[in-house]
Amino acid sequence: MSTEAKSNVSGSVFRALSLLEYVLGADTPTSTRELVERFSIPASSLAALLSALRIEGYLVSESGSVKPGTRLLALGQLAGRHELVANVRRALRLLADRTGETAFYSIEIRDGDGGLGSVLPVEQIESRDELRYVGILGRPMPLQRSMAGRAILAFSDREVEAREAFEVTDGAVAADGLLAELREIRRVGLAISPISASAPVSTMTVAAPVIRAGRVVGAFSIAGPAKRIESLEDDLGSIFEEAQKVVSGSGSGVPVEGP
């Protein structure tokens, strides 16, 4: 590659990173016109760059505005927190080893529209069992519709807010049920799903909030065959507590292994 070509590539990479940094740091969705003026990019070049970043999931464009996509939000949550990332993987390995099931770490992402937001699974360590649950990372789900999201809501003092949002979509009776469930999750420390029989094997999910420096930063969860998880009922609380200690830096955990 010629020196000129290398310079062009470096400039393109720097421009893309600068644009992503700007969009991620904005308090509100950014207009394409603002980006053109801010970075002195011709509109046609900006359109091509935004298109590539949208395809990869780093940005979302709608009605002439640009906002962070799920991949950029996940990167923003994890970047610069190397100690936390390492401890999260230690904690996931602990959960997977102690329960024998697939373990997940999920984070909350805000949608920018004033809603409750979504929960995004960003890490998983699969069970070593031949019969195991395998999730899809990077696929957001409304907070109130997943156990990880409900664990986050229950420990973020947003039970009432969640109830109001749920009433709009599911009605008052379901919203009252959600409010009661969130209060029970906060009482026992775990969000436990009903047994799902939609798959060939009945499955179950258990989640707990991840708290660091007094703030909820995500949620751990395990998922697998219901019978196996039910057999762990008496030990789940202490297992998740040990995982929380690893994230807090007060637990020994286990060595970090590759994916």
Protein backbone atom coordinates (compact mmCIF):
# COMPACT_ATOMS: atom_id res chain seq x y z
CA MET A 1 0.00 0.00 0.00
CA SER A 2 1.39 3.38 -0.98
CA THR A 3 2.07 6.12 1.55
CA GLU A 4 -0.81 8.14 0.09
CA ALA A 5 -3.19 5.17 0.37
CA LYS A 6 -2.13 4.56 3.98
CA SER A 7 -2.75 8.22 4.74
CA ASN A 8 -6.24 8.02 3.22
CA VAL A 9 -7.09 4.91 5.25
CA SER A 10 -5.80 6.49 8.46
CA GLY A 11 -7.82 9.62 7.78
CA SER A 12 -10.99 7.61 7.16
CA VAL A 13 -10.55 5.61 10.35
CA PHE A 14 -9.87 8.72 12.41
CA ARG A 15 -12.91 10.46 10.89
CA ALA A 16 -15.17 7.48 11.68
CA LEU A 17 -13.90 7.23 15.26
CA SER A 18 -14.27 10.95 15.82
CA LEU A 19 -17.82 10.85 14.50
CA LEU A 20 -18.74 7.90 16.74
CA GLU A 21 -17.23 9.63 19.77
CA TYR A 22 -19.22 12.78 19.01
CA VAL A 23 -22.54 10.94 18.56
CA LEU A 24 -22.02 8.85 21.69
CA GLY A 25 -21.29 11.95 23.77
CA ALA A 26 -24.30 13.93 22.55
CA ASP A 27 -27.22 14.35 24.94
CA THR A 28 -29.77 14.19 22.11
CA PRO A 29 -29.85 12.64 18.62
CA THR A 30 -27.48 14.50 16.29
CA SER A 31 -28.66 15.92 12.97
CA THR A 32 -26.77 15.03 9.80
CA ARG A 33 -26.47 18.76 9.06
CA GLU A 34 -24.71 19.24 12.39
CA LEU A 35 -22.26 16.45 11.52
CA VAL A 36 -21.52 17.98 8.11
CA GLU A 37 -20.70 21.32 9.75
CA ARG A 38 -18.85 19.85 12.71
CA PHE A 39 -16.51 17.62 10.68
CA SER A 40 -16.44 19.58 7.40
CA ILE A 41 -17.51 16.49 5.51
CA PRO A 42 -19.26 16.74 2.14
CA ALA A 43 -22.84 15.51 2.46
CA SER A 44 -22.23 12.68 0.00
CA SER A 45 -19.17 11.43 1.92
CA LEU A 46 -21.05 11.64 5.21
CA ALA A 47 -23.96 9.66 3.77
CA ALA A 48 -21.59 6.87 2.69
CA LEU A 49 -19.89 6.81 6.10
CA LEU A 50 -23.17 6.78 8.02
CA SER A 51 -24.49 4.00 5.81
CA ALA A 52 -21.47 1.79 6.58
CA LEU A 53 -21.75 2.46 10.32
CA ARG A 54 -25.50 1.75 10.28
CA ILE A 55 -24.97 -1.58 8.53
CA GLU A 56 -22.52 -2.62 11.24
CA GLY A 57 -24.91 -1.56 14.02
CA TYR A 58 -22.84 1.33 15.36
CA LEU A 59 -25.36 4.02 14.43
CA VAL A 60 -29.09 4.39 13.90
CA SER A 61 -30.54 7.07 11.62
CA GLU A 62 -34.12 8.24 11.57
CA SER A 63 -35.86 11.42 10.44
CA GLY A 64 -32.60 13.14 9.61
CA SER A 65 -31.02 12.45 13.01
CA VAL A 66 -28.27 10.08 14.08
CA LYS A 67 -28.00 8.29 17.41
CA PRO A 68 -25.86 5.46 18.84
CA GLY A 69 -26.65 1.93 17.71
CA THR A 70 -26.52 -1.11 19.97
CA ARG A 71 -22.91 -1.98 19.13
CA LEU A 72 -21.71 1.53 19.91
CA LEU A 73 -23.69 1.63 23.16
CA ALA A 74 -22.22 -1.68 24.25
CA LEU A 75 -18.73 -0.47 23.37
CA GLY A 76 -19.32 2.76 25.25
CA GLN A 77 -20.40 0.89 28.35
CA LEU A 78 -17.33 -1.32 28.39
CA ALA A 79 -14.56 0.87 26.99
CA GLY A 80 -12.14 2.21 29.55
CA ARG A 81 -13.37 -0.10 32.31
CA HIS A 82 -10.79 -2.82 31.86
CA GLU A 83 -10.82 -3.92 35.49
CA LEU A 84 -14.61 -4.24 35.44
CA VAL A 85 -14.52 -6.18 32.16
CA ALA A 86 -11.96 -8.63 33.54
CA ASN A 87 -13.95 -9.07 36.73
CA VAL A 88 -17.16 -9.59 34.77
CA ARG A 89 -15.57 -12.48 32.88
CA ARG A 90 -14.29 -13.98 36.13
CA ALA A 91 -17.76 -13.70 37.59
CA LEU A 92 -19.34 -15.27 34.51
CA ARG A 93 -16.90 -18.16 34.68
CA LEU A 94 -17.78 -18.62 38.33
CA LEU A 95 -21.51 -18.64 37.53
CA ALA A 96 -21.06 -21.09 34.67
CA ASP A 97 -18.87 -23.41 36.72
CA ARG A 98 -20.97 -23.36 39.88
CA THR A 99 -24.32 -23.80 38.12
CA GLY A 100 -23.29 -25.75 35.05
CA GLU A 101 -25.40 -23.39 32.91
CA THR A 102 -24.73 -20.64 30.38
CA ALA A 103 -24.03 -17.34 32.11
CA PHE A 104 -24.70 -13.85 30.71
CA TYR A 105 -23.78 -10.25 31.47
CA SER A 106 -26.24 -7.65 30.20
CA ILE A 107 -26.24 -3.86 30.31
CA GLU A 108 -28.98 -1.24 30.12
CA ILE A 109 -29.16 1.04 27.10
CA ARG A 110 -31.37 4.11 26.92
CA ASP A 111 -33.43 4.64 23.78
CA GLY A 112 -33.31 8.44 23.89
CA ASP A 113 -37.10 8.75 23.71
CA GLY A 114 -37.75 8.98 27.44
CA GLY A 115 -38.84 5.34 27.68
CA LEU A 116 -37.58 2.71 30.06
CA GLY A 117 -34.85 1.61 27.67
CA SER A 118 -33.61 -1.85 26.77
CA VAL A 119 -31.35 -4.54 28.11
CA LEU A 120 -28.49 -5.73 25.92
CA PRO A 121 -26.59 -8.99 26.51
CA VAL A 122 -22.92 -8.31 25.79
CA GLU A 123 -21.04 -11.29 27.27
CA GLN A 124 -21.78 -14.97 27.73
CA ILE A 125 -19.92 -18.08 28.78
CA GLU A 126 -21.64 -21.20 27.55
CA SER A 127 -22.38 -24.25 29.63
CA ARG A 128 -20.08 -27.18 28.98
CA ASP A 129 -23.08 -29.53 28.93
CA GLU A 130 -24.13 -30.93 25.56
CA LEU A 131 -27.69 -29.80 26.34
CA ARG A 132 -27.27 -26.09 26.93
CA TYR A 133 -28.84 -22.69 26.31
CA VAL A 134 -27.04 -20.43 23.83
CA GLY A 135 -28.11 -16.80 23.68
CA ILE A 136 -27.69 -14.14 21.00
CA LEU A 137 -25.44 -11.27 22.04
CA GLY A 138 -26.11 -7.74 20.87
CA ARG A 139 -29.87 -8.13 20.50
CA PRO A 140 -31.69 -5.60 22.72
CA MET A 141 -34.95 -6.36 24.50
CA PRO A 142 -37.24 -4.02 26.47
CA LEU A 143 -36.12 -3.94 30.10
CA GLN A 144 -39.44 -5.10 31.49
CA ARG A 145 -39.58 -8.14 29.19
CA SER A 146 -36.46 -9.96 30.36
CA MET A 147 -35.29 -11.26 33.70
CA ALA A 148 -32.02 -9.33 33.43
CA GLY A 149 -33.96 -6.16 32.69
CA ARG A 150 -36.36 -6.74 35.56
CA ALA A 151 -33.46 -7.26 37.94
CA ILE A 152 -32.01 -3.93 36.80
CA LEU A 153 -35.36 -2.16 37.19
CA ALA A 154 -36.03 -3.62 40.63
CA PHE A 155 -32.74 -2.31 42.02
CA SER A 156 -32.83 1.05 40.22
CA ASP A 157 -35.82 2.42 42.17
CA ARG A 158 -37.92 2.57 39.00
CA GLU A 159 -40.70 0.16 39.89
CA VAL A 160 -43.42 2.79 39.56
CA GLU A 161 -42.00 4.10 36.29
CA ALA A 162 -41.92 0.56 34.93
CA ARG A 163 -45.48 -0.07 36.02
CA GLU A 164 -46.71 3.04 34.21
CA ALA A 165 -44.89 2.12 30.99
CA PHE A 166 -46.15 -1.47 31.16
CA GLU A 167 -49.73 -0.32 31.65
CA VAL A 168 -49.62 1.51 28.32
CA THR A 169 -48.67 -1.64 26.42
CA ASP A 170 -50.20 -4.46 28.48
CA GLY A 171 -52.97 -2.96 30.60
CA ALA A 172 -53.50 -2.20 34.28
CA VAL A 173 -53.77 -5.77 35.53
CA ALA A 174 -50.49 -6.85 33.94
CA ALA A 175 -48.82 -3.64 35.14
CA ASP A 176 -49.89 -4.29 38.73
CA GLY A 177 -48.47 -7.79 38.40
CA LEU A 178 -45.16 -6.39 37.16
CA LEU A 179 -44.98 -3.94 40.06
CA ALA A 180 -45.53 -6.75 42.57
CA GLU A 181 -42.91 -8.88 40.85
CA LEU A 182 -40.30 -6.11 40.88
CA ARG A 183 -40.84 -5.58 44.60
CA GLU A 184 -40.46 -9.33 45.19
CA ILE A 185 -37.25 -9.36 43.12
CA ARG A 186 -35.85 -6.59 45.30
CA ARG A 187 -36.84 -8.52 48.42
CA VAL A 188 -35.24 -11.84 47.46
CA GLY A 189 -32.44 -10.45 45.30
CA LEU A 190 -33.19 -12.62 42.27
CA ALA A 191 -35.42 -12.41 39.20
CA ILE A 192 -36.69 -15.90 38.38
CA SER A 193 -38.60 -16.56 35.19
CA PRO A 194 -41.58 -18.86 34.83
CA ILE A 195 -40.68 -22.14 33.15
CA SER A 196 -40.76 -21.70 29.37
CA ALA A 197 -42.13 -24.65 27.45
CA SER A 198 -41.84 -23.05 24.00
CA ALA A 199 -38.62 -24.94 23.24
CA PRO A 200 -38.26 -28.74 22.95
CA VAL A 201 -36.84 -28.66 26.49
CA SER A 202 -38.44 -26.50 29.18
CA THR A 203 -36.06 -23.68 30.09
CA MET A 204 -35.64 -21.21 32.91
CA THR A 205 -33.73 -17.99 33.55
CA VAL A 206 -32.48 -16.50 36.81
CA ALA A 207 -30.95 -13.00 37.01
CA ALA A 208 -29.49 -10.64 39.59
CA PRO A 209 -28.30 -7.02 39.41
CA VAL A 210 -24.62 -6.16 39.17
CA ILE A 211 -23.83 -3.30 41.54
CA ARG A 212 -20.58 -1.36 41.59
CA ALA A 213 -19.88 1.68 43.73
CA GLY A 214 -23.52 1.70 44.81
CA ARG A 215 -24.84 1.88 41.25
CA VAL A 216 -26.52 -0.77 39.11
CA VAL A 217 -24.22 -1.32 36.12
CA GLY A 218 -25.86 -4.38 34.60
CA ALA A 219 -27.17 -7.83 35.41
CA PHE A 220 -25.90 -11.38 35.57
CA SER A 221 -28.14 -14.22 34.51
CA ILE A 222 -28.05 -17.94 33.88
CA ALA A 223 -30.29 -19.90 31.54
CA GLY A 224 -30.77 -23.59 30.91
CA PRO A 225 -33.08 -26.57 31.31
CA ALA A 226 -35.65 -25.87 34.01
CA LYS A 227 -35.12 -29.12 35.93
CA ARG A 228 -31.40 -28.47 36.34
CA ILE A 229 -31.89 -24.90 37.49
CA GLU A 230 -34.69 -25.88 39.89
CA SER A 231 -32.28 -28.33 41.52
CA LEU A 232 -30.01 -25.37 42.37
CA GLU A 233 -32.75 -23.36 44.09
CA ASP A 234 -31.20 -23.46 47.57
CA ASP A 235 -27.77 -22.35 46.32
CA LEU A 236 -28.58 -19.73 43.70
CA GLY A 237 -28.63 -16.78 46.11
CA SER A 238 -25.14 -17.50 47.45
CA ILE A 239 -23.74 -18.22 43.98
CA PHE A 240 -24.93 -14.88 42.60
CA GLU A 241 -23.65 -13.13 45.74
CA GLU A 242 -20.20 -14.60 45.11
CA ALA A 243 -20.32 -13.39 41.50
CA GLN A 244 -21.21 -9.90 42.77
CA LYS A 245 -18.20 -9.99 45.11
CA VAL A 246 -15.94 -10.77 42.15
CA VAL A 247 -17.19 -7.68 40.29
CA SER A 248 -16.75 -5.58 43.42
CA GLY A 249 -13.19 -6.80 43.74
CA SER A 250 -13.80 -8.50 47.08
CA GLY A 251 -14.10 -12.06 45.80
CA SER A 252 -11.41 -14.41 44.59
CA GLY A 253 -13.22 -15.58 41.48
CA VAL A 254 -11.45 -17.81 38.98
CA PRO A 255 -8.80 -17.14 36.33
CA VAL A 256 -10.06 -15.45 33.19
CA GLU A 257 -10.22 -17.79 30.22
CA GLY A 258 -10.80 -17.09 26.59
CA PRO A 259 -14.30 -17.28 25.08
